[in-house]
Amino acid sequence: MKKLVLTFALLSQACFAEHIEVEYSRFYSHLKKIDKEELNALQFSFGFKKVQEEWLCDIDNAIIVTQKQTIPLVISKDKRFTLPTEKALKLADAYISVDIKQPANQCDMSVQLETKTEYLKVEYSQAELKMLSDQYATFFSDMGSFLSFMMPGTEGLRFSFEDTPGIENNVKGLALKNKEIDLHNDTIEHATDGLKLNIKPIRINALMSK
């Protein structure tokens, strides 16, 4: 199984040393794809993946800049940030200004689909697990459209943690490996007592088909 990480070519403009500027409109074209009620638990998070490596470049600072204001962005522990879906920012020709520690020409934009931070908690009902899994399935179904054979399928949810988690209740079929928990859809279907953890996940992604 592989964790979904979508990479888009957003850095066509020149980058100078350790400073990157990207037009907000480049992000907006992707953000609006999940600006729907049926996908309201999902968000895109953005980072910069080190070229030919599996780790993300370190972000010192990230802001949204318009002619009238500067809006600071929160950088998560896993070196990513999120953006609001605001047409007004697109119309205002806003741009995202990012300072990174590694050379800018060695860091490519990485866009990751994940659940919103309010769904990072220690206890989930079966209904919540089904809802999250269904929203990922809906997203990929919508994106696949007539090209569904080119899109990956979803099989459930993947929870990622800073440390190895403890499971407080019995969930048959749950797969725990290192700092990740995989919940396949058939496991969720039988998890009538939901999922109870001893620590919060730092991220929940779709569990993708091979």
C-alpha atoms as a PDB file:
ATOM      1  CA  MET A   1       0.000   0.000   0.000  1.00  0.00           C
ATOM      2  CA  LYS A   2       1.162   3.519  -0.619  1.00  0.00           C
ATOM      3  CA  LYS A   3       0.294   6.824   0.934  1.00  0.00           C
ATOM      4  CA  LEU A   4      -1.237   9.318  -1.411  1.00  0.00           C
ATOM      5  CA  VAL A   5       1.045  12.181  -2.262  1.00  0.00           C
ATOM      6  CA  LEU A   6       0.064  14.268  -5.268  1.00  0.00           C
ATOM      7  CA  THR A   7       2.790  16.381  -6.903  1.00  0.00           C
ATOM      8  CA  PHE A   8       1.963  19.278  -9.208  1.00  0.00           C
ATOM      9  CA  ALA A   9       4.239  21.507 -11.257  1.00  0.00           C
ATOM     10  CA  LEU A  10       3.668  24.794  -9.473  1.00  0.00           C
ATOM     11  CA  LEU A  11       7.148  26.285  -9.611  1.00  0.00           C
ATOM     12  CA  SER A  12       7.446  27.590 -13.150  1.00  0.00           C
ATOM     13  CA  GLN A  13       8.638  30.993 -12.014  1.00  0.00           C
ATOM     14  CA  ALA A  14      12.206  31.711 -10.969  1.00  0.00           C
ATOM     15  CA  CYS A  15      13.282  30.797  -7.449  1.00  0.00           C
ATOM     16  CA  PHE A  16      15.954  32.758  -5.659  1.00  0.00           C
ATOM     17  CA  ALA A  17      18.246  31.010  -3.173  1.00  0.00           C
ATOM     18  CA  GLU A  18      16.086  29.926  -0.245  1.00  0.00           C
ATOM     19  CA  HIS A  19      13.002  31.982  -1.083  1.00  0.00           C
ATOM     20  CA  ILE A  20      10.060  30.762  -3.173  1.00  0.00           C
ATOM     21  CA  GLU A  21       7.046  32.687  -4.448  1.00  0.00           C
ATOM     22  CA  VAL A  22       4.048  30.918  -5.986  1.00  0.00           C
ATOM     23  CA  GLU A  23       0.878  32.542  -7.325  1.00  0.00           C
ATOM     24  CA  TYR A  24      -2.169  31.688  -5.205  1.00  0.00           C
ATOM     25  CA  SER A  25      -4.119  30.942  -8.398  1.00  0.00           C
ATOM     26  CA  ARG A  26      -1.904  27.869  -8.924  1.00  0.00           C
ATOM     27  CA  PHE A  27      -3.072  26.511  -5.565  1.00  0.00           C
ATOM     28  CA  TYR A  28      -6.682  27.624  -6.028  1.00  0.00           C
ATOM     29  CA  SER A  29      -7.140  25.465  -9.123  1.00  0.00           C
ATOM     30  CA  HIS A  30      -6.592  22.439  -6.866  1.00  0.00           C
ATOM     31  CA  LEU A  31      -8.217  23.731  -3.673  1.00  0.00           C
ATOM     32  CA  LYS A  32     -11.575  24.262  -5.378  1.00  0.00           C
ATOM     33  CA  LYS A  33     -11.714  20.555  -6.266  1.00  0.00           C
ATOM     34  CA  ILE A  34     -12.485  19.731  -2.634  1.00  0.00           C
ATOM     35  CA  ASP A  35     -14.559  22.820  -1.865  1.00  0.00           C
ATOM     36  CA  LYS A  36     -17.737  20.724  -1.667  1.00  0.00           C
ATOM     37  CA  GLU A  37     -20.030  19.705   1.175  1.00  0.00           C
ATOM     38  CA  GLU A  38     -19.497  16.001   0.440  1.00  0.00           C
ATOM     39  CA  LEU A  39     -15.727  16.502   0.872  1.00  0.00           C
ATOM     40  CA  ASN A  40     -15.843  18.811   3.897  1.00  0.00           C
ATOM     41  CA  ALA A  41     -13.575  16.610   6.046  1.00  0.00           C
ATOM     42  CA  LEU A  42     -10.681  16.739   3.564  1.00  0.00           C
ATOM     43  CA  GLN A  43      -7.970  19.271   2.831  1.00  0.00           C
ATOM     44  CA  PHE A  44      -4.827  19.658   0.777  1.00  0.00           C
ATOM     45  CA  SER A  45      -1.582  20.322   2.652  1.00  0.00           C
ATOM     46  CA  PHE A  46       1.488  21.705   0.917  1.00  0.00           C
ATOM     47  CA  GLY A  47       5.181  21.138   1.392  1.00  0.00           C
ATOM     48  CA  PHE A  48       8.418  20.931  -0.571  1.00  0.00           C
ATOM     49  CA  LYS A  49       9.877  17.497  -1.231  1.00  0.00           C
ATOM     50  CA  LYS A  50      13.657  17.190  -1.532  1.00  0.00           C
ATOM     51  CA  VAL A  51      14.495  16.186  -5.083  1.00  0.00           C
ATOM     52  CA  GLN A  52      15.103  12.414  -5.361  1.00  0.00           C
ATOM     53  CA  GLU A  53      14.527  12.004  -1.612  1.00  0.00           C
ATOM     54  CA  GLU A  54      11.578  10.957   0.562  1.00  0.00           C
ATOM     55  CA  TRP A  55      11.804  13.796   3.081  1.00  0.00           C
ATOM     56  CA  LEU A  56      10.435  17.332   3.015  1.00  0.00           C
ATOM     57  CA  CYS A  57      12.516  20.497   2.993  1.00  0.00           C
ATOM     58  CA  ASP A  58      12.429  22.640   6.164  1.00  0.00           C
ATOM     59  CA  ILE A  59      10.141  25.672   6.014  1.00  0.00           C
ATOM     60  CA  ASP A  60      11.193  28.665   8.105  1.00  0.00           C
ATOM     61  CA  ASN A  61       8.236  30.875   7.225  1.00  0.00           C
ATOM     62  CA  ALA A  62       5.230  30.973   4.878  1.00  0.00           C
ATOM     63  CA  ILE A  63       2.792  33.842   4.248  1.00  0.00           C
ATOM     64  CA  ILE A  64       0.001  34.870   1.881  1.00  0.00           C
ATOM     65  CA  VAL A  65       0.754  38.274   0.349  1.00  0.00           C
ATOM     66  CA  THR A  66      -1.719  40.693  -1.248  1.00  0.00           C
ATOM     67  CA  GLN A  67      -1.463  44.410  -2.005  1.00  0.00           C
ATOM     68  CA  LYS A  68      -3.366  45.186   1.212  1.00  0.00           C
ATOM     69  CA  GLN A  69      -2.312  42.556   3.728  1.00  0.00           C
ATOM     70  CA  THR A  70       0.043  39.772   4.742  1.00  0.00           C
ATOM     71  CA  ILE A  71      -1.463  36.604   6.230  1.00  0.00           C
ATOM     72  CA  PRO A  72       0.850  34.244   8.181  1.00  0.00           C
ATOM     73  CA  LEU A  73       0.504  30.500   7.618  1.00  0.00           C
ATOM     74  CA  VAL A  74       0.942  27.829  10.287  1.00  0.00           C
ATOM     75  CA  ILE A  75       3.650  25.244   9.566  1.00  0.00           C
ATOM     76  CA  SER A  76       2.812  21.772  10.887  1.00  0.00           C
ATOM     77  CA  LYS A  77       5.249  19.424  12.597  1.00  0.00           C
ATOM     78  CA  ASP A  78       5.555  17.466   9.374  1.00  0.00           C
ATOM     79  CA  LYS A  79       6.687  20.589   7.460  1.00  0.00           C
ATOM     80  CA  ARG A  80       3.449  21.366   5.637  1.00  0.00           C
ATOM     81  CA  PHE A  81       0.904  24.184   5.539  1.00  0.00           C
ATOM     82  CA  THR A  82      -2.704  24.562   4.431  1.00  0.00           C
ATOM     83  CA  LEU A  83      -4.422  27.352   2.507  1.00  0.00           C
ATOM     84  CA  PRO A  84      -7.957  28.791   2.528  1.00  0.00           C
ATOM     85  CA  THR A  85     -10.116  28.337  -0.549  1.00  0.00           C
ATOM     86  CA  GLU A  86     -10.846  31.991  -1.289  1.00  0.00           C
ATOM     87  CA  LYS A  87     -11.709  33.260  -4.763  1.00  0.00           C
ATOM     88  CA  ALA A  88     -11.043  36.777  -3.468  1.00  0.00           C
ATOM     89  CA  LEU A  89      -7.362  35.901  -3.015  1.00  0.00           C
ATOM     90  CA  LYS A  90      -7.226  34.667  -6.598  1.00  0.00           C
ATOM     91  CA  LEU A  91      -8.864  37.864  -7.879  1.00  0.00           C
ATOM     92  CA  ALA A  92      -6.457  39.947  -5.768  1.00  0.00           C
ATOM     93  CA  ASP A  93      -3.453  38.293  -7.434  1.00  0.00           C
ATOM     94  CA  ALA A  94      -2.218  37.036  -4.078  1.00  0.00           C
ATOM     95  CA  TYR A  95       0.903  34.922  -3.878  1.00  0.00           C
ATOM     96  CA  ILE A  96       2.454  32.548  -1.352  1.00  0.00           C
ATOM     97  CA  SER A  97       5.905  33.523  -0.075  1.00  0.00           C
ATOM     98  CA  VAL A  98       7.939  30.713   1.498  1.00  0.00           C
ATOM     99  CA  ASP A  99      11.383  30.695   3.101  1.00  0.00           C
ATOM    100  CA  ILE A 100      13.093  27.301   3.212  1.00  0.00           C
ATOM    101  CA  LYS A 101      16.415  26.101   4.617  1.00  0.00           C
ATOM    102  CA  GLN A 102      17.464  23.943   1.669  1.00  0.00           C
ATOM    103  CA  PRO A 103      18.339  25.374  -1.776  1.00  0.00           C
ATOM    104  CA  ALA A 104      15.072  26.215  -3.550  1.00  0.00           C
ATOM    105  CA  ASN A 105      16.094  24.455  -6.761  1.00  0.00           C
ATOM    106  CA  GLN A 106      16.357  21.199  -4.796  1.00  0.00           C
ATOM    107  CA  CYS A 107      12.802  21.331  -3.402  1.00  0.00           C
ATOM    108  CA  ASP A 108       9.732  20.487  -5.492  1.00  0.00           C
ATOM    109  CA  MET A 109       6.173  21.289  -4.467  1.00  0.00           C
ATOM    110  CA  SER A 110       4.334  18.370  -2.858  1.00  0.00           C
ATOM    111  CA  VAL A 111       0.558  18.400  -2.367  1.00  0.00           C
ATOM    112  CA  GLN A 112      -0.994  15.878  -0.015  1.00  0.00           C
ATOM    113  CA  LEU A 113      -4.670  15.010   0.449  1.00  0.00           C
ATOM    114  CA  GLU A 114      -5.517  14.427   4.102  1.00  0.00           C
ATOM    115  CA  THR A 115      -8.251  14.899   6.694  1.00  0.00           C
ATOM    116  CA  LYS A 116      -8.686  18.256   8.411  1.00  0.00           C
ATOM    117  CA  THR A 117      -7.032  18.767  11.792  1.00  0.00           C
ATOM    118  CA  GLU A 118     -10.325  18.574  13.723  1.00  0.00           C
ATOM    119  CA  TYR A 119     -10.439  14.868  12.854  1.00  0.00           C
ATOM    120  CA  LEU A 120      -7.105  14.190  14.543  1.00  0.00           C
ATOM    121  CA  LYS A 121      -8.221  12.830  17.920  1.00  0.00           C
ATOM    122  CA  VAL A 122      -8.030   9.739  20.134  1.00  0.00           C
ATOM    123  CA  GLU A 123     -11.513   8.292  19.635  1.00  0.00           C
ATOM    124  CA  TYR A 124     -13.567   7.613  16.497  1.00  0.00           C
ATOM    125  CA  SER A 125     -17.026   6.136  16.110  1.00  0.00           C
ATOM    126  CA  GLN A 126     -17.652   3.645  13.331  1.00  0.00           C
ATOM    127  CA  ALA A 127     -19.791   6.281  11.593  1.00  0.00           C
ATOM    128  CA  GLU A 128     -16.862   8.743  11.590  1.00  0.00           C
ATOM    129  CA  LEU A 129     -14.492   6.142  10.158  1.00  0.00           C
ATOM    130  CA  LYS A 130     -16.979   5.309   7.403  1.00  0.00           C
ATOM    131  CA  MET A 131     -17.533   8.988   6.650  1.00  0.00           C
ATOM    132  CA  LEU A 132     -13.802   9.672   6.234  1.00  0.00           C
ATOM    133  CA  SER A 133     -13.275   6.609   4.056  1.00  0.00           C
ATOM    134  CA  ASP A 134     -16.331   7.476   1.936  1.00  0.00           C
ATOM    135  CA  GLN A 135     -15.108  11.023   1.349  1.00  0.00           C
ATOM    136  CA  TYR A 136     -11.780   9.779  -0.005  1.00  0.00           C
ATOM    137  CA  ALA A 137     -13.623   7.323  -2.260  1.00  0.00           C
ATOM    138  CA  THR A 138     -15.863  10.152  -3.497  1.00  0.00           C
ATOM    139  CA  PHE A 139     -12.869  12.374  -4.260  1.00  0.00           C
ATOM    140  CA  PHE A 140     -11.146   9.766  -6.396  1.00  0.00           C
ATOM    141  CA  SER A 141     -14.377   8.808  -8.093  1.00  0.00           C
ATOM    142  CA  ASP A 142     -14.975  12.461  -9.017  1.00  0.00           C
ATOM    143  CA  MET A 143     -11.398  12.923 -10.201  1.00  0.00           C
ATOM    144  CA  GLY A 144     -11.455   9.681 -12.190  1.00  0.00           C
ATOM    145  CA  SER A 145     -14.558  10.544 -14.182  1.00  0.00           C
ATOM    146  CA  PHE A 146     -14.145   9.042 -17.661  1.00  0.00           C
ATOM    147  CA  LEU A 147     -10.502   8.192 -16.907  1.00  0.00           C
ATOM    148  CA  SER A 148     -11.231   6.008 -13.857  1.00  0.00           C
ATOM    149  CA  PHE A 149      -8.845   3.337 -15.098  1.00  0.00           C
ATOM    150  CA  MET A 150      -5.984   5.820 -14.575  1.00  0.00           C
ATOM    151  CA  MET A 151      -6.904   6.738 -10.998  1.00  0.00           C
ATOM    152  CA  PRO A 152      -5.904   4.773  -7.889  1.00  0.00           C
ATOM    153  CA  GLY A 153      -8.614   3.157  -5.806  1.00  0.00           C
ATOM    154  CA  THR A 154      -9.138   3.533  -2.068  1.00  0.00           C
ATOM    155  CA  GLU A 155      -9.296   0.661   0.409  1.00  0.00           C
ATOM    156  CA  GLY A 156      -9.753   2.473   3.711  1.00  0.00           C
ATOM    157  CA  LEU A 157      -7.754   4.789   5.975  1.00  0.00           C
ATOM    158  CA  ARG A 158      -4.124   5.133   7.055  1.00  0.00           C
ATOM    159  CA  PHE A 159      -3.372   6.800  10.413  1.00  0.00           C
ATOM    160  CA  SER A 160       0.162   8.157  10.958  1.00  0.00           C
ATOM    161  CA  PHE A 161       1.665   8.990  14.380  1.00  0.00           C
ATOM    162  CA  GLU A 162       4.759  10.597  15.867  1.00  0.00           C
ATOM    163  CA  ASP A 163       5.260   7.548  18.115  1.00  0.00           C
ATOM    164  CA  THR A 164       4.012   3.970  18.028  1.00  0.00           C
ATOM    165  CA  PRO A 165       0.354   4.182  19.126  1.00  0.00           C
ATOM    166  CA  GLY A 166      -1.540   1.999  21.562  1.00  0.00           C
ATOM    167  CA  ILE A 167      -4.997   0.633  20.684  1.00  0.00           C
ATOM    168  CA  GLU A 168      -7.433   0.930  23.588  1.00  0.00           C
ATOM    169  CA  ASN A 169     -10.159  -1.341  22.158  1.00  0.00           C
ATOM    170  CA  ASN A 170     -10.251  -4.546  20.125  1.00  0.00           C
ATOM    171  CA  VAL A 171     -10.504  -3.900  16.366  1.00  0.00           C
ATOM    172  CA  LYS A 172     -10.328  -7.122  14.387  1.00  0.00           C
ATOM    173  CA  GLY A 173      -8.252  -6.876  11.226  1.00  0.00           C
ATOM    174  CA  LEU A 174      -6.461  -3.659  12.209  1.00  0.00           C
ATOM    175  CA  ALA A 175      -2.886  -3.529  10.853  1.00  0.00           C
ATOM    176  CA  LEU A 176      -0.338  -1.769  13.074  1.00  0.00           C
ATOM    177  CA  LYS A 177       3.162  -1.263  11.668  1.00  0.00           C
ATOM    178  CA  ASN A 178       5.694   0.998  13.342  1.00  0.00           C
ATOM    179  CA  LYS A 179       4.008   4.413  13.515  1.00  0.00           C
ATOM    180  CA  GLU A 180       1.087   3.688  11.174  1.00  0.00           C
ATOM    181  CA  ILE A 181      -2.303   2.013  11.450  1.00  0.00           C
ATOM    182  CA  ASP A 182      -4.109   0.706   8.372  1.00  0.00           C
ATOM    183  CA  LEU A 183      -7.875   0.310   8.549  1.00  0.00           C
ATOM    184  CA  HIS A 184      -9.275  -1.471   5.504  1.00  0.00           C
ATOM    185  CA  ASN A 185     -12.910  -0.896   4.601  1.00  0.00           C
ATOM    186  CA  ASP A 186     -13.903  -4.422   5.652  1.00  0.00           C
ATOM    187  CA  THR A 187     -12.269  -3.779   9.052  1.00  0.00           C
ATOM    188  CA  ILE A 188     -14.209  -0.527   9.419  1.00  0.00           C
ATOM    189  CA  GLU A 189     -17.405  -2.374   8.508  1.00  0.00           C
ATOM    190  CA  HIS A 190     -16.968  -4.657  11.525  1.00  0.00           C
ATOM    191  CA  ALA A 191     -15.588  -2.012  13.917  1.00  0.00           C
ATOM    192  CA  THR A 192     -18.912  -1.440  15.677  1.00  0.00           C
ATOM    193  CA  ASP A 193     -17.128  -0.019  18.739  1.00  0.00           C
ATOM    194  CA  GLY A 194     -15.120   2.397  16.595  1.00  0.00           C
ATOM    195  CA  LEU A 195     -11.435   3.053  17.252  1.00  0.00           C
ATOM    196  CA  LYS A 196      -9.902   4.211  20.546  1.00  0.00           C
ATOM    197  CA  LEU A 197      -6.248   5.313  20.677  1.00  0.00           C
ATOM    198  CA  ASN A 198      -3.868   6.441  23.397  1.00  0.00           C
ATOM    199  CA  ILE A 199      -2.402   9.272  21.268  1.00  0.00           C
ATOM    200  CA  LYS A 200      -3.691  11.456  18.454  1.00  0.00           C
ATOM    201  CA  PRO A 201      -2.590  10.777  14.873  1.00  0.00           C
ATOM    202  CA  ILE A 202      -0.643  13.515  13.136  1.00  0.00           C
ATOM    203  CA  ARG A 203      -2.249  12.686   9.797  1.00  0.00           C
ATOM    204  CA  ILE A 204      -4.991  10.548   8.229  1.00  0.00           C
ATOM    205  CA  ASN A 205      -4.735   9.689   4.528  1.00  0.00           C
ATOM    206  CA  ALA A 206      -6.548   7.359   2.202  1.00  0.00           C
ATOM    207  CA  LEU A 207      -5.301   3.791   2.091  1.00  0.00           C
ATOM    208  CA  MET A 208      -4.643   3.319  -1.599  1.00  0.00           C
ATOM    209  CA  SER A 209      -4.895   0.259  -3.835  1.00  0.00           C
ATOM    210  CA  LYS A 210      -1.715  -1.029  -5.419  1.00  0.00           C
END
